[in-house]
Structure formats: C-alpha cells, structure tokens
C-alpha cells in the first residue's frame, strides 16, 4: 500500500506517523480557521468530531466547550488509539469518548449532538448525500454541521493527490452545498480563505 494511502485510513507504522502528523502545525492553522466560524454553543453541549484522526480537534472542542462533552469517531484503529492517547486526561475525567466507527453508520441515538465537525475527512466518505443524512440524524433540531477542507476542489496539489490515493474524491463549494441541501440541511454558509484553497461550510439541520 502506498504511504499516501494512510491519509485515507491510517494503518501500521506509517499510519501512526501520518496520524501524529495530522496533529501538527499545518492542520492546526486550518482547524483554527474553521473553528472561527462557529457561534457560541449552549453550555453543556455535546459535540462530535467525525473522522477525528489524531484527536487534536477533539482537544480543541474540549477547550471550546469546557462544560460540554466531546466524542470523536474514526474508522481507523490507529487513529482511535492516537486520539485516545492525545485526549486521555479528558477521557479519565468523563468529558470525552473516542469510538471506532464508520460515519455512514454512527453508533449514536438520533438528536445526540448540538454540533458535528468534519475536518479534512469528507474526501473519503462514501455516498455523501447518504452520509450527510446520517450526520443529520445524530444532530439535534437546529444543530450545526461544520465541514473544513484544505482543498476547494480545484487546487492542483489536491488534484494530484486524488489521482494516487484510492477512494479520495474532491468536492467544491457547489457540490458540497448541493449534497447538504439534499440531506436536509439549510442556512448553508460558505467560507473561503484569502490566498489559500481552504474551504469551510457551516450548515444547520432543519
């Protein structure tokens, strides 16, 4: 398997290195940019980071919601292990849980979360309209879904990667907005970074 394939589903030695790299400075800048578009959530909110990778964004959620509970899910065993290690203190305190799961079949009751985030991960999700419906299912009425991508779907670097990483698909603002509407989301707001191909969408469950 190509080392780059670990961006899709980290496994083994190279997967562990890839996951730890996900917690690095370049992803941190993207995450902070994406988080800046989120409104203040009600106290005690439960949030989900879908495709949590190395767990750094779970940690950011824990700081953003100091009296809330944060759940992370990923279908990679390596990612779950690293995210658990990264957030071990919050897990021991009962404020956080990390689960191995597929975003297409989330192991949560309907209306469990006030917000779901997806950082650098929807490229690898199956059948986006159906998966977005699953996200909507676990959101509370009026709940928010945040998508944050390093690629706007057109930048040359990401296009090259998509040709060599199996299962990777790029989406621009129009496609993602259409899929969100199809899944029942509304009030879709789109943000693009100046001078970078970053793309962020914030949608509300009807």
C-alpha atoms as a PDB file:
ATOM      1  CA  UNK A   1       0.000   0.000   0.000  1.00  0.00           C
ATOM      2  CA  UNK A   2       1.265   3.498  -0.830  1.00  0.00           C
ATOM      3  CA  UNK A   3       2.347   5.562   2.169  1.00  0.00           C
ATOM      4  CA  UNK A   4      -0.072   8.244   0.935  1.00  0.00           C
ATOM      5  CA  UNK A   5      -2.951   5.779   1.270  1.00  0.00           C
ATOM      6  CA  UNK A   6      -2.663   6.308   5.027  1.00  0.00           C
ATOM      7  CA  UNK A   7      -4.337   9.680   4.564  1.00  0.00           C
ATOM      8  CA  UNK A   8      -7.493   7.681   3.849  1.00  0.00           C
ATOM      9  CA  UNK A   9      -7.267   5.003   6.543  1.00  0.00           C
ATOM     10  CA  UNK A  10      -4.093   5.075   8.644  1.00  0.00           C
ATOM     11  CA  UNK A  11      -2.632   1.657   9.453  1.00  0.00           C
ATOM     12  CA  UNK A  12       0.650   0.244  10.688  1.00  0.00           C
ATOM     13  CA  UNK A  13       3.895   2.157  11.262  1.00  0.00           C
ATOM     14  CA  UNK A  14       3.401   4.728   8.504  1.00  0.00           C
ATOM     15  CA  UNK A  15      -0.214   5.200   9.549  1.00  0.00           C
ATOM     16  CA  UNK A  16       0.876   6.020  13.083  1.00  0.00           C
ATOM     17  CA  UNK A  17       3.328   8.616  11.777  1.00  0.00           C
ATOM     18  CA  UNK A  18       0.650  10.042   9.483  1.00  0.00           C
ATOM     19  CA  UNK A  19      -1.860  10.371  12.334  1.00  0.00           C
ATOM     20  CA  UNK A  20       0.634  12.135  14.565  1.00  0.00           C
ATOM     21  CA  UNK A  21       1.438  14.441  11.683  1.00  0.00           C
ATOM     22  CA  UNK A  22      -2.257  15.317  11.462  1.00  0.00           C
ATOM     23  CA  UNK A  23      -1.892  16.965  14.861  1.00  0.00           C
ATOM     24  CA  UNK A  24       0.872  19.207  13.519  1.00  0.00           C
ATOM     25  CA  UNK A  25       1.042  22.908  12.788  1.00  0.00           C
ATOM     26  CA  UNK A  26      -0.342  22.945   9.212  1.00  0.00           C
ATOM     27  CA  UNK A  27      -3.563  21.200  10.211  1.00  0.00           C
ATOM     28  CA  UNK A  28      -3.712  23.366  13.337  1.00  0.00           C
ATOM     29  CA  UNK A  29      -3.905  26.555  11.270  1.00  0.00           C
ATOM     30  CA  UNK A  30      -6.682  25.110   9.122  1.00  0.00           C
ATOM     31  CA  UNK A  31      -8.601  23.938  12.188  1.00  0.00           C
ATOM     32  CA  UNK A  32      -8.345  27.280  13.959  1.00  0.00           C
ATOM     33  CA  UNK A  33      -9.603  28.994  10.814  1.00  0.00           C
ATOM     34  CA  UNK A  34     -12.570  26.612  10.623  1.00  0.00           C
ATOM     35  CA  UNK A  35     -13.413  26.923  14.308  1.00  0.00           C
ATOM     36  CA  UNK A  36     -13.537  30.711  13.941  1.00  0.00           C
ATOM     37  CA  UNK A  37     -16.845  30.433  12.034  1.00  0.00           C
ATOM     38  CA  UNK A  38     -18.662  28.556  14.790  1.00  0.00           C
ATOM     39  CA  UNK A  39     -21.058  30.503  17.005  1.00  0.00           C
ATOM     40  CA  UNK A  40     -21.078  30.067  20.767  1.00  0.00           C
ATOM     41  CA  UNK A  41     -22.801  26.807  21.688  1.00  0.00           C
ATOM     42  CA  UNK A  42     -25.155  26.465  24.678  1.00  0.00           C
ATOM     43  CA  UNK A  43     -23.493  25.374  27.918  1.00  0.00           C
ATOM     44  CA  UNK A  44     -23.231  21.635  28.374  1.00  0.00           C
ATOM     45  CA  UNK A  45     -23.472  20.923  24.643  1.00  0.00           C
ATOM     46  CA  UNK A  46     -22.468  17.518  23.304  1.00  0.00           C
ATOM     47  CA  UNK A  47     -20.387  17.645  20.115  1.00  0.00           C
ATOM     48  CA  UNK A  48     -18.982  15.056  17.724  1.00  0.00           C
ATOM     49  CA  UNK A  49     -15.805  15.210  15.658  1.00  0.00           C
ATOM     50  CA  UNK A  50     -16.365  12.783  12.793  1.00  0.00           C
ATOM     51  CA  UNK A  51     -13.181  11.353  11.313  1.00  0.00           C
ATOM     52  CA  UNK A  52     -11.201  12.545  14.332  1.00  0.00           C
ATOM     53  CA  UNK A  53      -7.771  11.376  13.123  1.00  0.00           C
ATOM     54  CA  UNK A  54      -5.103  12.065  15.736  1.00  0.00           C
ATOM     55  CA  UNK A  55      -7.536  13.772  18.108  1.00  0.00           C
ATOM     56  CA  UNK A  56      -6.216  17.339  18.040  1.00  0.00           C
ATOM     57  CA  UNK A  57      -9.605  18.758  17.047  1.00  0.00           C
ATOM     58  CA  UNK A  58     -11.288  16.768  19.793  1.00  0.00           C
ATOM     59  CA  UNK A  59      -8.896  18.611  22.103  1.00  0.00           C
ATOM     60  CA  UNK A  60      -9.878  21.944  20.561  1.00  0.00           C
ATOM     61  CA  UNK A  61     -13.539  21.115  21.105  1.00  0.00           C
ATOM     62  CA  UNK A  62     -12.812  20.338  24.752  1.00  0.00           C
ATOM     63  CA  UNK A  63     -11.352  23.826  25.179  1.00  0.00           C
ATOM     64  CA  UNK A  64     -14.202  25.471  23.258  1.00  0.00           C
ATOM     65  CA  UNK A  65     -16.862  23.652  25.334  1.00  0.00           C
ATOM     66  CA  UNK A  66     -15.327  23.473  28.822  1.00  0.00           C
ATOM     67  CA  UNK A  67     -18.546  22.240  30.414  1.00  0.00           C
ATOM     68  CA  UNK A  68     -19.641  20.063  27.484  1.00  0.00           C
ATOM     69  CA  UNK A  69     -18.884  16.535  26.326  1.00  0.00           C
ATOM     70  CA  UNK A  70     -16.915  15.688  23.217  1.00  0.00           C
ATOM     71  CA  UNK A  71     -16.985  12.477  21.191  1.00  0.00           C
ATOM     72  CA  UNK A  72     -14.582  11.512  18.440  1.00  0.00           C
ATOM     73  CA  UNK A  73     -15.105   8.734  15.900  1.00  0.00           C
ATOM     74  CA  UNK A  74     -12.822   7.269  13.277  1.00  0.00           C
ATOM     75  CA  UNK A  75     -12.828   4.005  11.352  1.00  0.00           C
ATOM     76  CA  UNK A  76      -9.055   3.614  11.638  1.00  0.00           C
ATOM     77  CA  UNK A  77      -7.874   1.670  14.678  1.00  0.00           C
ATOM     78  CA  UNK A  78      -4.600   3.618  14.629  1.00  0.00           C
ATOM     79  CA  UNK A  79      -6.495   6.932  14.681  1.00  0.00           C
ATOM     80  CA  UNK A  80      -8.654   5.786  17.581  1.00  0.00           C
ATOM     81  CA  UNK A  81      -5.580   4.758  19.554  1.00  0.00           C
ATOM     82  CA  UNK A  82      -3.778   8.055  18.936  1.00  0.00           C
ATOM     83  CA  UNK A  83      -6.868  10.169  19.611  1.00  0.00           C
ATOM     84  CA  UNK A  84      -7.443   8.262  22.852  1.00  0.00           C
ATOM     85  CA  UNK A  85      -3.840   8.875  23.895  1.00  0.00           C
ATOM     86  CA  UNK A  86      -3.997  12.550  22.940  1.00  0.00           C
ATOM     87  CA  UNK A  87      -7.195  13.144  24.966  1.00  0.00           C
ATOM     88  CA  UNK A  88      -6.551  10.676  27.793  1.00  0.00           C
ATOM     89  CA  UNK A  89      -6.950  13.250  30.568  1.00  0.00           C
ATOM     90  CA  UNK A  90     -10.402  14.342  29.376  1.00  0.00           C
ATOM     91  CA  UNK A  91     -11.419  10.704  28.896  1.00  0.00           C
ATOM     92  CA  UNK A  92     -10.465   9.922  32.504  1.00  0.00           C
ATOM     93  CA  UNK A  93     -12.468  12.965  33.624  1.00  0.00           C
ATOM     94  CA  UNK A  94     -15.557  11.643  31.826  1.00  0.00           C
ATOM     95  CA  UNK A  95     -15.717  14.577  29.386  1.00  0.00           C
ATOM     96  CA  UNK A  96     -14.644  12.713  26.283  1.00  0.00           C
ATOM     97  CA  UNK A  97     -15.030   9.410  24.487  1.00  0.00           C
ATOM     98  CA  UNK A  98     -13.372   8.055  21.347  1.00  0.00           C
ATOM     99  CA  UNK A  99     -15.070   5.313  19.335  1.00  0.00           C
ATOM    100  CA  UNK A 100     -14.125   3.276  16.297  1.00  0.00           C
ATOM    101  CA  UNK A 101     -16.999   3.644  13.848  1.00  0.00           C
ATOM    102  CA  UNK A 102     -17.909   4.360  10.254  1.00  0.00           C
ATOM    103  CA  UNK A 103     -19.510   7.758   9.632  1.00  0.00           C
ATOM    104  CA  UNK A 104     -22.070   6.051   7.383  1.00  0.00           C
ATOM    105  CA  UNK A 105     -23.402   4.113  10.411  1.00  0.00           C
ATOM    106  CA  UNK A 106     -22.860   6.122  13.560  1.00  0.00           C
ATOM    107  CA  UNK A 107     -23.467   4.264  16.847  1.00  0.00           C
ATOM    108  CA  UNK A 108     -25.489   7.067  18.450  1.00  0.00           C
ATOM    109  CA  UNK A 109     -29.156   7.799  19.032  1.00  0.00           C
ATOM    110  CA  UNK A 110     -30.874  10.446  16.961  1.00  0.00           C
ATOM    111  CA  UNK A 111     -30.502  14.010  18.200  1.00  0.00           C
ATOM    112  CA  UNK A 112     -27.421  13.268  20.303  1.00  0.00           C
ATOM    113  CA  UNK A 113     -25.297  16.280  19.357  1.00  0.00           C
ATOM    114  CA  UNK A 114     -25.514  20.067  19.090  1.00  0.00           C
ATOM    115  CA  UNK A 115     -22.722  20.160  16.525  1.00  0.00           C
ATOM    116  CA  UNK A 116     -20.776  17.755  14.320  1.00  0.00           C
ATOM    117  CA  UNK A 117     -17.447  18.699  12.769  1.00  0.00           C
ATOM    118  CA  UNK A 118     -15.549  17.114   9.894  1.00  0.00           C
ATOM    119  CA  UNK A 119     -12.009  18.353   9.337  1.00  0.00           C
ATOM    120  CA  UNK A 120     -10.074  17.150   6.280  1.00  0.00           C
ATOM    121  CA  UNK A 121     -12.129  13.971   6.014  1.00  0.00           C
ATOM    122  CA  UNK A 122     -15.186  14.197   3.727  1.00  0.00           C
ATOM    123  CA  UNK A 123     -12.899  13.420   0.766  1.00  0.00           C
ATOM    124  CA  UNK A 124     -13.014   9.795   1.937  1.00  0.00           C
ATOM    125  CA  UNK A 125     -16.657   9.472   2.985  1.00  0.00           C
ATOM    126  CA  UNK A 126     -18.918   7.158   0.956  1.00  0.00           C
ATOM    127  CA  UNK A 127     -22.063   8.390  -0.834  1.00  0.00           C
ATOM    128  CA  UNK A 128     -22.035  11.905   0.584  1.00  0.00           C
ATOM    129  CA  UNK A 129     -25.799  12.611   0.495  1.00  0.00           C
ATOM    130  CA  UNK A 130     -26.483   9.416   2.462  1.00  0.00           C
ATOM    131  CA  UNK A 131     -23.613  10.035   4.874  1.00  0.00           C
ATOM    132  CA  UNK A 132     -24.743  13.622   5.389  1.00  0.00           C
ATOM    133  CA  UNK A 133     -28.225  12.282   6.221  1.00  0.00           C
ATOM    134  CA  UNK A 134     -26.591  10.126   8.886  1.00  0.00           C
ATOM    135  CA  UNK A 135     -24.889  13.229  10.280  1.00  0.00           C
ATOM    136  CA  UNK A 136     -28.264  14.996  10.289  1.00  0.00           C
ATOM    137  CA  UNK A 137     -29.828  12.044  12.127  1.00  0.00           C
ATOM    138  CA  UNK A 138     -27.499  12.380  15.121  1.00  0.00           C
ATOM    139  CA  UNK A 139     -27.841  16.180  15.245  1.00  0.00           C
ATOM    140  CA  UNK A 140     -30.421  17.911  17.385  1.00  0.00           C
ATOM    141  CA  UNK A 141     -33.009  20.077  15.593  1.00  0.00           C
ATOM    142  CA  UNK A 142     -31.203  23.262  14.668  1.00  0.00           C
ATOM    143  CA  UNK A 143     -27.844  21.567  15.192  1.00  0.00           C
ATOM    144  CA  UNK A 144     -24.781  22.599  13.202  1.00  0.00           C
ATOM    145  CA  UNK A 145     -22.557  20.672  10.813  1.00  0.00           C
ATOM    146  CA  UNK A 146     -19.095  22.124  10.140  1.00  0.00           C
ATOM    147  CA  UNK A 147     -17.021  20.921   7.178  1.00  0.00           C
ATOM    148  CA  UNK A 148     -13.474  22.202   6.849  1.00  0.00           C
ATOM    149  CA  UNK A 149     -11.264  21.182   3.913  1.00  0.00           C
ATOM    150  CA  UNK A 150      -7.761  22.177   2.911  1.00  0.00           C
ATOM    151  CA  UNK A 151      -8.866  21.826  -0.711  1.00  0.00           C
ATOM    152  CA  UNK A 152     -11.549  23.822  -2.519  1.00  0.00           C
ATOM    153  CA  UNK A 153     -11.836  21.006  -5.048  1.00  0.00           C
ATOM    154  CA  UNK A 154      -9.824  22.721  -7.770  1.00  0.00           C
ATOM    155  CA  UNK A 155      -6.299  23.280  -6.469  1.00  0.00           C
ATOM    156  CA  UNK A 156      -3.596  21.429  -8.427  1.00  0.00           C
ATOM    157  CA  UNK A 157      -1.884  19.818  -5.421  1.00  0.00           C
ATOM    158  CA  UNK A 158      -5.064  18.149  -4.171  1.00  0.00           C
ATOM    159  CA  UNK A 159      -5.980  17.068  -7.696  1.00  0.00           C
ATOM    160  CA  UNK A 160      -2.635  15.269  -7.981  1.00  0.00           C
ATOM    161  CA  UNK A 161      -3.179  13.512  -4.651  1.00  0.00           C
ATOM    162  CA  UNK A 162      -6.693  12.432  -5.636  1.00  0.00           C
ATOM    163  CA  UNK A 163      -5.245  10.559  -8.618  1.00  0.00           C
ATOM    164  CA  UNK A 164      -2.944   8.385  -6.485  1.00  0.00           C
ATOM    165  CA  UNK A 165      -4.964   7.919  -3.278  1.00  0.00           C
ATOM    166  CA  UNK A 166      -7.656   5.309  -3.705  1.00  0.00           C
ATOM    167  CA  UNK A 167     -11.091   6.431  -2.525  1.00  0.00           C
ATOM    168  CA  UNK A 168     -10.263  10.147  -2.416  1.00  0.00           C
ATOM    169  CA  UNK A 169     -12.777  12.479  -4.055  1.00  0.00           C
ATOM    170  CA  UNK A 170     -12.590  16.249  -4.178  1.00  0.00           C
ATOM    171  CA  UNK A 171     -15.625  18.496  -3.799  1.00  0.00           C
ATOM    172  CA  UNK A 172     -16.072  22.182  -4.480  1.00  0.00           C
ATOM    173  CA  UNK A 173     -18.461  24.549  -2.707  1.00  0.00           C
ATOM    174  CA  UNK A 174     -21.278  23.910  -5.180  1.00  0.00           C
ATOM    175  CA  UNK A 175     -21.194  20.121  -4.827  1.00  0.00           C
ATOM    176  CA  UNK A 176     -20.956  20.166  -1.048  1.00  0.00           C
ATOM    177  CA  UNK A 177     -23.770  22.716  -0.769  1.00  0.00           C
ATOM    178  CA  UNK A 178     -25.984  20.620  -3.053  1.00  0.00           C
ATOM    179  CA  UNK A 179     -25.317  17.436  -1.080  1.00  0.00           C
ATOM    180  CA  UNK A 180     -26.065  19.226   2.196  1.00  0.00           C
ATOM    181  CA  UNK A 181     -29.367  20.537   0.845  1.00  0.00           C
ATOM    182  CA  UNK A 182     -30.228  17.057  -0.421  1.00  0.00           C
ATOM    183  CA  UNK A 183     -29.585  15.695   3.079  1.00  0.00           C
ATOM    184  CA  UNK A 184     -31.961  18.213   4.655  1.00  0.00           C
ATOM    185  CA  UNK A 185     -29.608  20.980   5.787  1.00  0.00           C
ATOM    186  CA  UNK A 186     -30.366  24.663   5.378  1.00  0.00           C
ATOM    187  CA  UNK A 187     -28.811  28.064   6.110  1.00  0.00           C
ATOM    188  CA  UNK A 188     -25.622  26.855   4.402  1.00  0.00           C
ATOM    189  CA  UNK A 189     -22.773  29.313   4.765  1.00  0.00           C
ATOM    190  CA  UNK A 190     -19.599  29.014   2.695  1.00  0.00           C
ATOM    191  CA  UNK A 191     -16.222  30.480   3.611  1.00  0.00           C
ATOM    192  CA  UNK A 192     -13.042  30.564   1.533  1.00  0.00           C
ATOM    193  CA  UNK A 193      -9.604  31.645   2.697  1.00  0.00           C
ATOM    194  CA  UNK A 194      -7.849  34.517   1.000  1.00  0.00           C
ATOM    195  CA  UNK A 195      -4.789  33.318  -0.873  1.00  0.00           C
ATOM    196  CA  UNK A 196      -5.335  29.651   0.037  1.00  0.00           C
ATOM    197  CA  UNK A 197      -7.553  26.892  -1.367  1.00  0.00           C
ATOM    198  CA  UNK A 198      -9.188  26.307   2.029  1.00  0.00           C
ATOM    199  CA  UNK A 199     -12.939  25.756   2.103  1.00  0.00           C
ATOM    200  CA  UNK A 200     -15.350  25.738   5.034  1.00  0.00           C
ATOM    201  CA  UNK A 201     -19.115  25.152   5.112  1.00  0.00           C
ATOM    202  CA  UNK A 202     -21.430  25.600   8.084  1.00  0.00           C
ATOM    203  CA  UNK A 203     -24.942  24.158   7.745  1.00  0.00           C
ATOM    204  CA  UNK A 204     -27.920  23.866  10.051  1.00  0.00           C
ATOM    205  CA  UNK A 205     -30.236  20.884  10.425  1.00  0.00           C
ATOM    206  CA  UNK A 206     -33.799  21.889   9.586  1.00  0.00           C
END
